[in-house]
Amino acid sequence: MKKSMLDILACPIDKHYPLELIEMQSKDDNVIDGLLLCTKCNRYYPIMEEIPVMLPDELRKKAEDLEFLHKWQSRIPEKVIKQGNPWHL
């Protein structure tokens, strides 16, 4: 995901803007793996292989989200790990 996309992305649940970007892996201006965080509803959206996964809760895959949280646990803020929506560790 290009970092410039932050200028147009908002939380699909509550429309909060701007989203907080947490980078795990990046190259130049591209985020390869990371997290978009809505500071209003504490909902996170993973960025996997440069693609932000910004789906409503009912369309998200819990196993994939939890695997992502486990993989990057040491780089993700504790508030997301313990209280993030739609699920947390």
C-alpha atoms as a PDB file:
ATOM      1  CA  MET A   1       0.000   0.000   0.000  1.00  0.00           C
ATOM      2  CA  LYS A   2       1.363   3.406  -0.867  1.00  0.00           C
ATOM      3  CA  LYS A   3       1.620   5.644   2.186  1.00  0.00           C
ATOM      4  CA  SER A   4      -0.137   8.389   0.230  1.00  0.00           C
ATOM      5  CA  MET A   5      -3.345   6.301   0.417  1.00  0.00           C
ATOM      6  CA  LEU A   6      -3.682   7.388   4.056  1.00  0.00           C
ATOM      7  CA  ASP A   7      -5.040  10.673   2.697  1.00  0.00           C
ATOM      8  CA  ILE A   8      -8.161   8.942   1.358  1.00  0.00           C
ATOM      9  CA  LEU A   9      -8.772   6.009   3.729  1.00  0.00           C
ATOM     10  CA  ALA A  10     -11.343   6.120   6.525  1.00  0.00           C
ATOM     11  CA  CYS A  11     -12.754   3.461   8.831  1.00  0.00           C
ATOM     12  CA  PRO A  12     -15.569   1.686   6.952  1.00  0.00           C
ATOM     13  CA  ILE A  13     -17.484   1.148  10.202  1.00  0.00           C
ATOM     14  CA  ASP A  14     -17.633   4.646  11.715  1.00  0.00           C
ATOM     15  CA  LYS A  15     -16.079   6.728   8.882  1.00  0.00           C
ATOM     16  CA  HIS A  16     -13.369   8.073  11.225  1.00  0.00           C
ATOM     17  CA  TYR A  17     -10.478   9.821   9.482  1.00  0.00           C
ATOM     18  CA  PRO A  18      -7.480   9.737   9.553  1.00  0.00           C
ATOM     19  CA  LEU A  19      -6.427   6.195  10.355  1.00  0.00           C
ATOM     20  CA  GLU A  20      -3.192   5.548  12.232  1.00  0.00           C
ATOM     21  CA  LEU A  21      -0.560   3.612  10.275  1.00  0.00           C
ATOM     22  CA  ILE A  22       1.611   1.066  12.065  1.00  0.00           C
ATOM     23  CA  GLU A  23       4.328  -0.263   9.775  1.00  0.00           C
ATOM     24  CA  MET A  24       5.806  -3.715  10.233  1.00  0.00           C
ATOM     25  CA  GLN A  25       7.599  -4.054   6.921  1.00  0.00           C
ATOM     26  CA  SER A  26       8.024  -1.402   4.257  1.00  0.00           C
ATOM     27  CA  LYS A  27      10.119  -0.563   1.238  1.00  0.00           C
ATOM     28  CA  ASP A  28      10.472   3.014   0.023  1.00  0.00           C
ATOM     29  CA  ASP A  29       6.959   4.522   0.001  1.00  0.00           C
ATOM     30  CA  ASN A  30       5.171   1.134   0.109  1.00  0.00           C
ATOM     31  CA  VAL A  31       3.918  -0.617   3.227  1.00  0.00           C
ATOM     32  CA  ILE A  32       4.284  -4.349   2.652  1.00  0.00           C
ATOM     33  CA  ASP A  33       2.910  -5.469   6.018  1.00  0.00           C
ATOM     34  CA  GLY A  34       1.295  -3.207   8.563  1.00  0.00           C
ATOM     35  CA  LEU A  35      -1.826  -2.177  10.351  1.00  0.00           C
ATOM     36  CA  LEU A  36      -4.363   0.608   9.950  1.00  0.00           C
ATOM     37  CA  LEU A  37      -5.961   1.567  13.251  1.00  0.00           C
ATOM     38  CA  CYS A  38      -9.150   3.525  13.814  1.00  0.00           C
ATOM     39  CA  THR A  39      -8.537   5.435  17.035  1.00  0.00           C
ATOM     40  CA  LYS A  40     -12.275   6.059  17.457  1.00  0.00           C
ATOM     41  CA  CYS A  41     -13.564   2.450  17.542  1.00  0.00           C
ATOM     42  CA  ASN A  42     -10.198   0.708  18.175  1.00  0.00           C
ATOM     43  CA  ARG A  43     -10.751  -1.425  15.070  1.00  0.00           C
ATOM     44  CA  TYR A  44      -7.679  -2.540  13.150  1.00  0.00           C
ATOM     45  CA  TYR A  45      -7.246  -3.446   9.517  1.00  0.00           C
ATOM     46  CA  PRO A  46      -4.226  -5.515   8.507  1.00  0.00           C
ATOM     47  CA  ILE A  47      -2.098  -4.644   5.509  1.00  0.00           C
ATOM     48  CA  MET A  48      -0.880  -7.915   4.028  1.00  0.00           C
ATOM     49  CA  GLU A  49       1.404  -8.094   1.009  1.00  0.00           C
ATOM     50  CA  GLU A  50       0.728  -4.391   0.292  1.00  0.00           C
ATOM     51  CA  ILE A  51      -3.086  -4.805   0.382  1.00  0.00           C
ATOM     52  CA  PRO A  52      -5.161  -3.167   3.141  1.00  0.00           C
ATOM     53  CA  VAL A  53      -7.928  -5.555   4.229  1.00  0.00           C
ATOM     54  CA  MET A  54     -10.722  -3.141   5.147  1.00  0.00           C
ATOM     55  CA  LEU A  55     -13.748  -5.397   5.310  1.00  0.00           C
ATOM     56  CA  PRO A  56     -16.736  -5.195   7.666  1.00  0.00           C
ATOM     57  CA  ASP A  57     -16.433  -7.515  10.666  1.00  0.00           C
ATOM     58  CA  GLU A  58     -18.858 -10.126   9.310  1.00  0.00           C
ATOM     59  CA  LEU A  59     -16.750 -10.594   6.155  1.00  0.00           C
ATOM     60  CA  ARG A  60     -13.382 -10.835   7.892  1.00  0.00           C
ATOM     61  CA  LYS A  61     -11.622 -14.142   8.453  1.00  0.00           C
ATOM     62  CA  LYS A  62     -10.932 -14.490  12.160  1.00  0.00           C
ATOM     63  CA  ALA A  63      -8.200 -17.121  11.696  1.00  0.00           C
ATOM     64  CA  GLU A  64      -6.280 -14.884   9.260  1.00  0.00           C
ATOM     65  CA  ASP A  65      -6.547 -11.838  11.534  1.00  0.00           C
ATOM     66  CA  LEU A  66      -5.394 -13.805  14.598  1.00  0.00           C
ATOM     67  CA  GLU A  67      -2.502 -15.304  12.616  1.00  0.00           C
ATOM     68  CA  PHE A  68      -1.484 -11.782  11.592  1.00  0.00           C
ATOM     69  CA  LEU A  69      -1.629 -10.583  15.223  1.00  0.00           C
ATOM     70  CA  HIS A  70       0.492 -13.533  16.375  1.00  0.00           C
ATOM     71  CA  LYS A  71       3.052 -13.001  13.608  1.00  0.00           C
ATOM     72  CA  TRP A  72       3.571  -9.294  14.395  1.00  0.00           C
ATOM     73  CA  GLN A  73       2.718  -9.361  18.121  1.00  0.00           C
ATOM     74  CA  SER A  74       6.018  -7.770  19.146  1.00  0.00           C
ATOM     75  CA  ARG A  75       5.488  -4.799  16.791  1.00  0.00           C
ATOM     76  CA  ILE A  76       1.782  -4.146  17.369  1.00  0.00           C
ATOM     77  CA  PRO A  77       0.714  -1.762  20.168  1.00  0.00           C
ATOM     78  CA  GLU A  78      -0.577  -3.512  23.285  1.00  0.00           C
ATOM     79  CA  LYS A  79      -3.953  -1.755  22.997  1.00  0.00           C
ATOM     80  CA  VAL A  80      -4.567  -3.597  19.704  1.00  0.00           C
ATOM     81  CA  ILE A  81      -3.279  -6.941  20.990  1.00  0.00           C
ATOM     82  CA  LYS A  82      -5.460  -6.841  24.135  1.00  0.00           C
ATOM     83  CA  GLN A  83      -8.467  -4.715  23.121  1.00  0.00           C
ATOM     84  CA  GLY A  84      -8.532  -4.463  19.327  1.00  0.00           C
ATOM     85  CA  ASN A  85     -11.738  -4.973  17.408  1.00  0.00           C
ATOM     86  CA  PRO A  86     -13.192  -7.158  15.989  1.00  0.00           C
ATOM     87  CA  TRP A  87     -11.005  -9.640  17.950  1.00  0.00           C
ATOM     88  CA  HIS A  88      -7.772  -9.664  19.882  1.00  0.00           C
ATOM     89  CA  LEU A  89      -5.322 -12.075  21.509  1.00  0.00           C
END
